[in-house]
Amino acid sequence: MSEMKVFLKNYMEDMVWLLLDDVLQKWPEVCGCTVCRHDIAAIALNSLQPRYVVREQGEVYSKVSVLEAQYRADVYAALTKAILLVQRKPRH
């Protein structure tokens, strides 16, 4: 029997990247370069509670729990705060 390959996944990271473009569209004056986008994502993720799960490599996961209204609201709020911070002090 082969050994199962497992990995840790933080679903909040997926949510941040999924919603980032949507939130940035509301702030057209904010730079959307790669450095600023990654800074925004990092700042947002550092303020969010991680949601780690263990999965088998190649397993398709359900996003149902990640798409809950409260998670979305938390991510939108964290992204908005991060955008305002990066807008004031961009590193690019």
Protein backbone atom coordinates (compact mmCIF):
# COMPACT_ATOMS: atom_id res chain seq x y z
CA MET A 1 0.00 0.00 0.00
CA SER A 2 1.43 3.38 -0.98
CA GLU A 3 1.83 6.13 1.56
CA MET A 4 -0.80 8.87 1.36
CA LYS A 5 0.65 12.29 0.51
CA VAL A 6 -1.04 15.02 2.50
CA PHE A 7 -0.65 18.77 2.67
CA LEU A 8 -1.91 21.70 4.72
CA LYS A 9 -4.10 24.27 3.02
CA ASN A 10 -5.18 27.65 4.37
CA TYR A 11 -8.52 28.31 2.70
CA MET A 12 -8.36 31.97 3.73
CA GLU A 13 -5.47 32.43 1.30
CA ASP A 14 -7.70 31.19 -1.51
CA MET A 15 -10.45 33.57 -0.40
CA VAL A 16 -8.11 36.57 -0.31
CA TRP A 17 -6.88 35.90 -3.85
CA LEU A 18 -10.41 35.15 -5.04
CA LEU A 19 -11.84 38.42 -3.73
CA LEU A 20 -8.84 40.73 -4.25
CA ASP A 21 -9.75 41.84 -7.79
CA ASP A 22 -13.34 42.50 -6.75
CA VAL A 23 -12.25 44.76 -3.90
CA LEU A 24 -9.56 46.49 -6.00
CA GLN A 25 -12.20 47.42 -8.60
CA LYS A 26 -13.83 49.60 -5.94
CA TRP A 27 -10.52 51.46 -5.55
CA PRO A 28 -9.44 52.34 -9.12
CA GLU A 29 -6.84 54.83 -7.87
CA VAL A 30 -4.94 52.10 -5.99
CA CYS A 31 -1.97 50.56 -7.73
CA GLY A 32 -2.59 47.01 -8.90
CA CYS A 33 1.01 46.04 -9.66
CA THR A 34 2.31 42.66 -8.54
CA VAL A 35 4.18 44.07 -5.53
CA CYS A 36 1.16 46.03 -4.27
CA ARG A 37 -1.21 43.08 -4.84
CA HIS A 38 1.06 40.76 -2.85
CA ASP A 39 1.52 43.36 -0.10
CA ILE A 40 -2.27 43.75 0.15
CA ALA A 41 -2.77 39.97 0.28
CA ALA A 42 -0.04 39.52 2.93
CA ILE A 43 -1.39 42.30 5.14
CA ALA A 44 -4.94 40.98 4.85
CA LEU A 45 -3.90 37.40 5.61
CA ASN A 46 -1.91 38.50 8.65
CA SER A 47 -5.09 40.04 10.09
CA LEU A 48 -7.35 37.06 9.32
CA GLN A 49 -7.70 33.89 11.35
CA PRO A 50 -6.30 31.04 9.25
CA ARG A 51 -8.56 28.15 8.28
CA TYR A 52 -6.21 25.20 7.81
CA VAL A 53 -7.28 21.78 6.67
CA VAL A 54 -5.35 18.63 5.81
CA ARG A 55 -5.96 17.20 2.35
CA GLU A 56 -4.63 14.39 0.22
CA GLN A 57 -2.57 15.53 -2.74
CA GLY A 58 -4.85 15.89 -5.77
CA GLU A 59 -8.05 15.80 -3.72
CA VAL A 60 -10.76 18.20 -4.81
CA TYR A 61 -11.94 20.17 -1.82
CA SER A 62 -15.30 21.69 -1.12
CA LYS A 63 -15.35 25.47 -0.86
CA VAL A 64 -18.72 25.52 0.89
CA SER A 65 -17.37 26.40 4.33
CA VAL A 66 -15.01 29.01 2.91
CA LEU A 67 -17.76 30.81 1.09
CA GLU A 68 -19.79 31.40 4.23
CA ALA A 69 -21.05 34.96 4.54
CA GLN A 70 -19.00 35.72 7.66
CA TYR A 71 -15.74 34.56 6.07
CA ARG A 72 -16.46 36.71 3.03
CA ALA A 73 -17.23 39.73 5.19
CA ASP A 74 -14.04 39.22 7.19
CA VAL A 75 -11.96 38.96 4.00
CA TYR A 76 -13.57 42.05 2.45
CA ALA A 77 -12.87 44.04 5.62
CA ALA A 78 -9.26 42.83 5.84
CA LEU A 79 -8.64 43.57 2.16
CA THR A 80 -10.11 47.07 2.48
CA LYS A 81 -7.86 47.88 5.44
CA ALA A 82 -4.84 46.44 3.62
CA ILE A 83 -5.60 48.45 0.47
CA LEU A 84 -5.77 51.68 2.46
CA LEU A 85 -2.44 50.91 4.13
CA VAL A 86 -0.68 50.03 0.86
CA GLN A 87 -2.21 53.08 -0.83
CA ARG A 88 -0.63 55.31 1.84
CA LYS A 89 2.77 53.61 1.69
CA PRO A 90 3.34 51.62 -1.52
CA ARG A 91 6.68 49.77 -1.71
CA HIS A 92 7.06 49.59 -5.50
